[in-house]
Amino acid sequence: MYTKLDSAGNDLPQSAEQWALVRDDRTGLIWSAADSSSRDVTFEKAQGAIANLNGAKFCGFDDWRLPTIQELLSIVDYSRRSPAIDTNFFWGTKNDWYWSSTPAAASPADCAWIVNFNHGGSDWGYHDARSRVRAVRSVPRASQ
């Protein structure tokens, strides 16, 4: 289901003890293995964290983005709790809320959908609230 990747995007064995990225083999999405912010941040700062990753060419790539709500929910593991994610791949995930790029319909200019990795639930949060950041990039399957 997931493949560990090194900082150049190369496949690693499942037994690897250090990795920077995770590929979801079902969707082809490439995720940062760890949080992309060191603390909870506002939506604006979450976008800034992504811009910083792109400016620094994190792992050699400059096409990182906030995931959509559907993408973020796709890595929730509902058989786990605290955190509700496979920590064999996504190390360091906090029992906390994570931003998505998906606006909340009730107030799209002021709110975005968020996912709580303590239990895997979702909700919407005001842009000035604080949540964590997990970066993702889309990769055409032919180039993997």
N, C-alpha and C. Protein backbone atom coordinates (compact mmCIF):
# COMPACT_ATOMS: atom_id res chain seq x y z
N MET A 1 0.81 -1.19 0.00
CA MET A 1 0.00 0.00 0.00
C MET A 1 0.86 1.27 0.00
N TYR A 2 1.94 1.30 0.79
CA TYR A 2 2.86 2.43 0.82
C TYR A 2 4.27 1.96 0.51
N THR A 3 5.07 2.87 -0.04
CA THR A 3 6.48 2.61 -0.30
C THR A 3 7.29 3.74 0.30
N LYS A 4 8.32 3.38 1.05
CA LYS A 4 9.25 4.37 1.59
C LYS A 4 10.17 4.84 0.46
N LEU A 5 10.45 6.15 0.48
CA LEU A 5 11.32 6.75 -0.54
C LEU A 5 12.42 7.55 0.13
N ASP A 6 13.59 7.58 -0.51
CA ASP A 6 14.67 8.42 0.01
C ASP A 6 14.44 9.87 -0.42
N SER A 7 15.37 10.75 -0.07
CA SER A 7 15.18 12.17 -0.35
C SER A 7 15.27 12.52 -1.83
N ALA A 8 15.67 11.57 -2.67
CA ALA A 8 15.67 11.78 -4.12
C ALA A 8 14.45 11.15 -4.78
N GLY A 9 13.59 10.54 -3.98
CA GLY A 9 12.38 9.92 -4.52
C GLY A 9 12.57 8.49 -4.97
N ASN A 10 13.69 7.88 -4.59
CA ASN A 10 13.96 6.49 -4.96
C ASN A 10 13.34 5.53 -3.95
N ASP A 11 12.83 4.39 -4.46
CA ASP A 11 12.25 3.38 -3.60
C ASP A 11 13.28 2.84 -2.61
N LEU A 12 12.81 2.58 -1.40
CA LEU A 12 13.62 1.96 -0.36
C LEU A 12 12.93 0.67 0.07
N PRO A 13 13.67 -0.25 0.67
CA PRO A 13 13.01 -1.46 1.18
C PRO A 13 12.09 -1.11 2.35
N GLN A 14 11.08 -1.93 2.56
CA GLN A 14 10.14 -1.71 3.67
C GLN A 14 10.87 -1.67 5.02
N SER A 15 12.02 -2.34 5.09
CA SER A 15 12.78 -2.40 6.33
C SER A 15 13.66 -1.18 6.56
N ALA A 16 13.68 -0.23 5.63
CA ALA A 16 14.52 0.96 5.78
C ALA A 16 14.18 1.67 7.09
N GLU A 17 15.22 2.13 7.77
CA GLU A 17 15.02 2.81 9.05
C GLU A 17 15.01 4.32 8.91
N GLN A 18 15.40 4.83 7.75
CA GLN A 18 15.36 6.26 7.49
C GLN A 18 14.77 6.48 6.10
N TRP A 19 13.82 7.41 6.01
CA TRP A 19 13.20 7.75 4.74
C TRP A 19 12.62 9.15 4.88
N ALA A 20 12.47 9.82 3.75
CA ALA A 20 11.98 11.19 3.75
C ALA A 20 10.57 11.32 3.20
N LEU A 21 10.22 10.40 2.30
CA LEU A 21 8.95 10.49 1.58
C LEU A 21 8.22 9.16 1.62
N VAL A 22 6.94 9.22 1.34
CA VAL A 22 6.10 8.02 1.27
C VAL A 22 5.25 8.11 0.01
N ARG A 23 5.25 7.05 -0.78
CA ARG A 23 4.37 6.98 -1.95
C ARG A 23 3.18 6.10 -1.60
N ASP A 24 2.00 6.62 -1.83
CA ASP A 24 0.79 5.83 -1.70
C ASP A 24 0.65 5.07 -3.02
N ASP A 25 0.83 3.77 -2.99
CA ASP A 25 0.85 2.98 -4.21
C ASP A 25 -0.53 2.87 -4.86
N ARG A 26 -1.59 3.18 -4.12
CA ARG A 26 -2.94 3.18 -4.71
C ARG A 26 -3.20 4.44 -5.51
N THR A 27 -2.79 5.58 -4.96
CA THR A 27 -3.11 6.87 -5.58
C THR A 27 -1.96 7.45 -6.38
N GLY A 28 -0.73 7.02 -6.08
CA GLY A 28 0.45 7.58 -6.72
C GLY A 28 0.92 8.87 -6.07
N LEU A 29 0.20 9.37 -5.06
CA LEU A 29 0.61 10.59 -4.38
C LEU A 29 1.90 10.37 -3.59
N ILE A 30 2.74 11.40 -3.56
CA ILE A 30 3.97 11.37 -2.76
C ILE A 30 3.76 12.31 -1.58
N TRP A 31 3.97 11.79 -0.38
CA TRP A 31 3.76 12.54 0.86
C TRP A 31 5.08 12.78 1.57
N SER A 32 5.17 13.87 2.31
CA SER A 32 6.29 14.04 3.23
C SER A 32 6.06 13.02 4.34
N ALA A 33 7.12 12.32 4.73
CA ALA A 33 6.98 11.29 5.76
C ALA A 33 6.71 11.90 7.13
N ALA A 34 7.20 13.10 7.35
CA ALA A 34 7.02 13.80 8.62
C ALA A 34 6.21 15.06 8.39
N ASP A 35 5.81 15.70 9.47
CA ASP A 35 5.09 16.96 9.37
C ASP A 35 5.93 17.97 8.60
N SER A 36 5.26 18.86 7.92
CA SER A 36 5.93 19.91 7.15
C SER A 36 5.94 21.24 7.89
N SER A 37 5.46 21.23 9.11
CA SER A 37 5.57 22.38 10.00
C SER A 37 5.97 21.84 11.36
N SER A 38 6.76 22.61 12.08
CA SER A 38 7.24 22.13 13.38
C SER A 38 6.23 22.35 14.49
N ARG A 39 5.14 23.06 14.17
CA ARG A 39 4.10 23.34 15.18
C ARG A 39 2.78 23.62 14.48
N ASP A 40 1.75 23.85 15.27
CA ASP A 40 0.46 24.25 14.72
C ASP A 40 0.57 25.65 14.15
N VAL A 41 0.00 25.86 12.97
CA VAL A 41 0.07 27.16 12.30
C VAL A 41 -1.28 27.53 11.71
N THR A 42 -1.47 28.82 11.44
CA THR A 42 -2.67 29.29 10.76
C THR A 42 -2.66 28.79 9.32
N PHE A 43 -3.78 28.91 8.64
CA PHE A 43 -3.87 28.48 7.24
C PHE A 43 -2.88 29.25 6.37
N GLU A 44 -2.76 30.56 6.61
CA GLU A 44 -1.81 31.38 5.85
C GLU A 44 -0.38 30.89 6.06
N LYS A 45 -0.04 30.57 7.30
CA LYS A 45 1.32 30.07 7.58
C LYS A 45 1.51 28.67 7.03
N ALA A 46 0.44 27.88 6.95
CA ALA A 46 0.53 26.55 6.33
C ALA A 46 0.88 26.70 4.85
N GLN A 47 0.24 27.65 4.19
CA GLN A 47 0.57 27.91 2.79
C GLN A 47 2.00 28.42 2.66
N GLY A 48 2.44 29.22 3.63
CA GLY A 48 3.82 29.69 3.65
C GLY A 48 4.81 28.56 3.84
N ALA A 49 4.45 27.58 4.69
CA ALA A 49 5.32 26.42 4.90
C ALA A 49 5.49 25.64 3.60
N ILE A 50 4.41 25.50 2.85
CA ILE A 50 4.48 24.81 1.56
C ILE A 50 5.34 25.61 0.59
N ALA A 51 5.16 26.93 0.57
CA ALA A 51 5.98 27.78 -0.31
C ALA A 51 7.46 27.65 0.05
N ASN A 52 7.76 27.55 1.34
CA ASN A 52 9.15 27.38 1.76
C ASN A 52 9.72 26.05 1.28
N LEU A 53 8.92 24.99 1.35
CA LEU A 53 9.37 23.69 0.84
C LEU A 53 9.69 23.79 -0.65
N ASN A 54 8.81 24.46 -1.38
CA ASN A 54 9.02 24.60 -2.82
C ASN A 54 10.23 25.47 -3.12
N GLY A 55 10.41 26.55 -2.37
CA GLY A 55 11.56 27.42 -2.58
C GLY A 55 12.88 26.73 -2.28
N ALA A 56 12.85 25.82 -1.31
CA ALA A 56 14.05 25.07 -0.94
C ALA A 56 14.21 23.80 -1.77
N LYS A 57 13.24 23.56 -2.66
CA LYS A 57 13.22 22.32 -3.46
C LYS A 57 13.38 21.10 -2.53
N PHE A 58 12.46 21.00 -1.57
CA PHE A 58 12.47 19.90 -0.60
C PHE A 58 12.54 18.57 -1.35
N CYS A 59 13.54 17.80 -1.03
CA CYS A 59 13.80 16.50 -1.66
C CYS A 59 13.92 16.62 -3.19
N GLY A 60 14.34 17.80 -3.65
CA GLY A 60 14.57 18.01 -5.08
C GLY A 60 13.33 18.39 -5.87
N PHE A 61 12.21 18.64 -5.21
CA PHE A 61 10.96 18.94 -5.90
C PHE A 61 10.43 20.31 -5.50
N ASP A 62 9.76 20.97 -6.43
CA ASP A 62 9.17 22.28 -6.13
C ASP A 62 7.68 22.33 -6.48
N ASP A 63 7.03 21.17 -6.36
CA ASP A 63 5.59 21.11 -6.66
C ASP A 63 4.79 20.57 -5.47
N TRP A 64 5.26 20.86 -4.25
CA TRP A 64 4.54 20.46 -3.04
C TRP A 64 3.31 21.34 -2.88
N ARG A 65 2.30 20.80 -2.21
CA ARG A 65 1.06 21.55 -1.98
C ARG A 65 0.36 20.99 -0.75
N LEU A 66 -0.62 21.73 -0.26
CA LEU A 66 -1.50 21.19 0.77
C LEU A 66 -2.41 20.16 0.11
N PRO A 67 -2.69 19.05 0.77
CA PRO A 67 -3.59 18.06 0.17
C PRO A 67 -5.04 18.53 0.20
N THR A 68 -5.84 17.97 -0.68
CA THR A 68 -7.29 18.19 -0.60
C THR A 68 -7.81 17.39 0.59
N ILE A 69 -9.03 17.65 1.00
CA ILE A 69 -9.60 16.89 2.11
C ILE A 69 -9.68 15.40 1.76
N GLN A 70 -10.03 15.08 0.51
CA GLN A 70 -10.12 13.67 0.12
C GLN A 70 -8.75 13.00 0.18
N GLU A 71 -7.72 13.70 -0.26
CA GLU A 71 -6.36 13.13 -0.20
C GLU A 71 -5.92 12.91 1.23
N LEU A 72 -6.17 13.90 2.09
CA LEU A 72 -5.76 13.77 3.48
C LEU A 72 -6.50 12.63 4.17
N LEU A 73 -7.78 12.51 3.91
CA LEU A 73 -8.56 11.40 4.49
C LEU A 73 -8.10 10.04 3.95
N SER A 74 -7.49 10.02 2.76
CA SER A 74 -7.07 8.74 2.18
C SER A 74 -5.91 8.10 2.94
N ILE A 75 -5.20 8.88 3.77
CA ILE A 75 -4.10 8.28 4.55
C ILE A 75 -4.48 8.03 6.00
N VAL A 76 -5.73 8.33 6.35
CA VAL A 76 -6.22 7.97 7.69
C VAL A 76 -6.33 6.46 7.76
N ASP A 77 -5.88 5.89 8.85
CA ASP A 77 -6.03 4.45 9.10
C ASP A 77 -7.00 4.30 10.27
N TYR A 78 -8.25 3.95 9.95
CA TYR A 78 -9.29 3.89 10.97
C TYR A 78 -9.15 2.70 11.91
N SER A 79 -8.19 1.81 11.66
CA SER A 79 -7.94 0.72 12.60
C SER A 79 -6.94 1.15 13.68
N ARG A 80 -6.45 2.39 13.58
CA ARG A 80 -5.48 2.91 14.54
C ARG A 80 -6.05 4.15 15.22
N ARG A 81 -5.44 4.48 16.32
CA ARG A 81 -5.84 5.67 17.07
C ARG A 81 -4.62 6.24 17.75
N SER A 82 -4.58 7.54 17.82
CA SER A 82 -3.53 8.27 18.56
C SER A 82 -2.11 7.96 18.10
N PRO A 83 -1.75 8.10 16.86
CA PRO A 83 -2.49 8.70 15.76
C PRO A 83 -3.16 7.66 14.86
N ALA A 84 -4.14 8.11 14.13
CA ALA A 84 -4.91 7.27 13.21
C ALA A 84 -4.25 7.30 11.82
N ILE A 85 -3.02 6.80 11.77
CA ILE A 85 -2.25 6.76 10.54
C ILE A 85 -1.19 5.68 10.72
N ASP A 86 -0.70 5.12 9.65
CA ASP A 86 0.33 4.08 9.73
C ASP A 86 1.68 4.72 10.04
N THR A 87 2.06 4.67 11.31
CA THR A 87 3.32 5.31 11.74
C THR A 87 4.55 4.52 11.29
N ASN A 88 4.35 3.36 10.69
CA ASN A 88 5.48 2.65 10.08
C ASN A 88 5.96 3.39 8.84
N PHE A 89 5.14 4.31 8.34
CA PHE A 89 5.49 5.10 7.16
C PHE A 89 5.49 6.60 7.48
N PHE A 90 4.43 7.06 8.15
CA PHE A 90 4.27 8.49 8.45
C PHE A 90 4.72 8.74 9.89
N TRP A 91 6.03 8.80 10.08
CA TRP A 91 6.58 8.95 11.43
C TRP A 91 6.38 10.39 11.92
N GLY A 92 6.25 10.52 13.20
CA GLY A 92 6.14 11.84 13.81
C GLY A 92 4.78 12.49 13.69
N THR A 93 3.79 11.79 13.17
CA THR A 93 2.46 12.39 13.06
C THR A 93 1.90 12.64 14.46
N LYS A 94 1.39 13.82 14.66
CA LYS A 94 0.84 14.22 15.96
C LYS A 94 -0.65 13.88 16.04
N ASN A 95 -1.12 13.73 17.26
CA ASN A 95 -2.56 13.54 17.51
C ASN A 95 -3.21 14.91 17.44
N ASP A 96 -3.30 15.45 16.26
CA ASP A 96 -3.70 16.83 16.10
C ASP A 96 -4.42 17.02 14.77
N TRP A 97 -4.89 18.23 14.55
CA TRP A 97 -5.56 18.60 13.32
C TRP A 97 -4.53 18.96 12.26
N TYR A 98 -4.84 18.63 10.99
CA TYR A 98 -3.99 18.93 9.84
C TYR A 98 -4.82 19.65 8.78
N TRP A 99 -4.21 20.69 8.19
CA TRP A 99 -4.88 21.48 7.16
C TRP A 99 -5.04 20.72 5.85
N SER A 100 -6.14 20.97 5.18
CA SER A 100 -6.31 20.60 3.77
C SER A 100 -6.43 21.90 2.98
N SER A 101 -6.37 21.80 1.67
CA SER A 101 -6.54 22.97 0.82
C SER A 101 -8.00 23.21 0.45
N THR A 102 -8.89 22.31 0.88
CA THR A 102 -10.29 22.37 0.48
C THR A 102 -11.06 23.39 1.30
N PRO A 103 -11.62 24.41 0.63
CA PRO A 103 -12.41 25.41 1.36
C PRO A 103 -13.69 24.77 1.92
N ALA A 104 -14.13 25.26 3.07
CA ALA A 104 -15.40 24.82 3.64
C ALA A 104 -16.52 25.64 2.99
N ALA A 105 -17.52 24.97 2.46
CA ALA A 105 -18.58 25.63 1.71
C ALA A 105 -19.31 26.70 2.52
N ALA A 106 -19.40 26.51 3.83
CA ALA A 106 -20.12 27.47 4.67
C ALA A 106 -19.47 28.85 4.63
N SER A 107 -18.16 28.90 4.48
CA SER A 107 -17.45 30.17 4.43
C SER A 107 -16.11 29.96 3.72
N PRO A 108 -16.13 29.77 2.40
CA PRO A 108 -14.92 29.40 1.67
C PRO A 108 -13.77 30.40 1.77
N ALA A 109 -14.06 31.66 2.00
CA ALA A 109 -12.99 32.65 2.09
C ALA A 109 -12.32 32.63 3.46
N ASP A 110 -12.99 32.04 4.46
CA ASP A 110 -12.49 32.09 5.83
C ASP A 110 -12.19 30.74 6.46
N CYS A 111 -12.59 29.63 5.81
CA CYS A 111 -12.49 28.32 6.44
C CYS A 111 -11.99 27.26 5.47
N ALA A 112 -11.33 26.25 6.01
CA ALA A 112 -10.88 25.10 5.21
C ALA A 112 -11.14 23.83 6.01
N TRP A 113 -11.23 22.71 5.30
CA TRP A 113 -11.42 21.42 5.94
C TRP A 113 -10.12 20.97 6.59
N ILE A 114 -10.25 20.29 7.72
CA ILE A 114 -9.12 19.78 8.49
C ILE A 114 -9.41 18.34 8.91
N VAL A 115 -8.34 17.59 9.17
CA VAL A 115 -8.47 16.19 9.61
C VAL A 115 -7.74 16.04 10.93
N ASN A 116 -8.37 15.35 11.86
CA ASN A 116 -7.77 15.09 13.17
C ASN A 116 -7.16 13.69 13.16
N PHE A 117 -5.85 13.62 13.25
CA PHE A 117 -5.19 12.32 13.23
C PHE A 117 -5.14 11.64 14.59
N ASN A 118 -5.84 12.19 15.59
CA ASN A 118 -6.00 11.43 16.83
C ASN A 118 -6.97 10.28 16.57
N HIS A 119 -8.07 10.57 15.87
CA HIS A 119 -9.10 9.55 15.62
C HIS A 119 -9.53 9.46 14.16
N GLY A 120 -9.08 10.38 13.31
CA GLY A 120 -9.40 10.31 11.88
C GLY A 120 -10.63 11.09 11.46
N GLY A 121 -11.21 11.86 12.36
CA GLY A 121 -12.37 12.65 12.01
C GLY A 121 -12.00 13.89 11.22
N SER A 122 -12.99 14.49 10.61
CA SER A 122 -12.76 15.72 9.86
C SER A 122 -13.78 16.77 10.28
N ASP A 123 -13.44 18.01 10.02
CA ASP A 123 -14.28 19.15 10.36
C ASP A 123 -13.76 20.32 9.54
N TRP A 124 -14.25 21.49 9.78
CA TRP A 124 -13.69 22.66 9.13
C TRP A 124 -13.18 23.60 10.21
N GLY A 125 -12.18 24.37 9.84
CA GLY A 125 -11.61 25.32 10.78
C GLY A 125 -11.43 26.68 10.14
N TYR A 126 -11.54 27.71 10.95
CA TYR A 126 -11.28 29.06 10.48
C TYR A 126 -9.80 29.20 10.12
N HIS A 127 -9.51 30.00 9.12
CA HIS A 127 -8.12 30.18 8.66
C HIS A 127 -7.19 30.70 9.75
N ASP A 128 -7.74 31.39 10.76
CA ASP A 128 -6.88 31.89 11.83
C ASP A 128 -6.69 30.88 12.96
N ALA A 129 -7.35 29.71 12.85
CA ALA A 129 -7.12 28.63 13.81
C ALA A 129 -5.75 28.01 13.51
N ARG A 130 -5.31 27.11 14.36
CA ARG A 130 -3.99 26.51 14.19
C ARG A 130 -4.10 25.00 14.00
N SER A 131 -3.46 24.53 12.95
CA SER A 131 -3.39 23.10 12.65
C SER A 131 -2.00 22.80 12.11
N ARG A 132 -1.73 21.55 11.85
CA ARG A 132 -0.42 21.13 11.37
C ARG A 132 -0.44 20.99 9.85
N VAL A 133 0.73 20.71 9.26
CA VAL A 133 0.87 20.66 7.81
C VAL A 133 1.55 19.37 7.39
N ARG A 134 0.98 18.69 6.42
CA ARG A 134 1.59 17.53 5.77
C ARG A 134 1.57 17.83 4.27
N ALA A 135 2.74 17.86 3.65
CA ALA A 135 2.84 18.21 2.22
C ALA A 135 2.63 16.98 1.35
N VAL A 136 2.11 17.23 0.16
CA VAL A 136 1.89 16.18 -0.82
C VAL A 136 2.24 16.71 -2.20
N ARG A 137 2.54 15.80 -3.09
CA ARG A 137 2.73 16.17 -4.50
C ARG A 137 2.11 15.08 -5.35
N SER A 138 1.61 15.49 -6.50
CA SER A 138 1.03 14.55 -7.46
C SER A 138 2.10 14.18 -8.46
N VAL A 139 2.18 12.91 -8.78
CA VAL A 139 3.18 12.43 -9.74
C VAL A 139 2.45 11.58 -10.78
N PRO A 140 2.59 11.92 -12.04
CA PRO A 140 1.99 11.05 -13.06
C PRO A 140 2.54 9.63 -12.92
N ARG A 141 1.69 8.65 -12.96
CA ARG A 141 2.10 7.27 -12.74
C ARG A 141 3.22 6.83 -13.68
N ALA A 142 3.26 7.33 -14.89
CA ALA A 142 4.28 6.91 -15.86
C ALA A 142 5.68 7.36 -15.42
N SER A 143 5.80 8.39 -14.58
CA SER A 143 7.12 8.88 -14.21
C SER A 143 7.61 8.32 -12.89
N GLN A 144 6.87 7.43 -12.27
CA GLN A 144 7.31 6.86 -10.99
C GLN A 144 8.39 5.85 -11.19
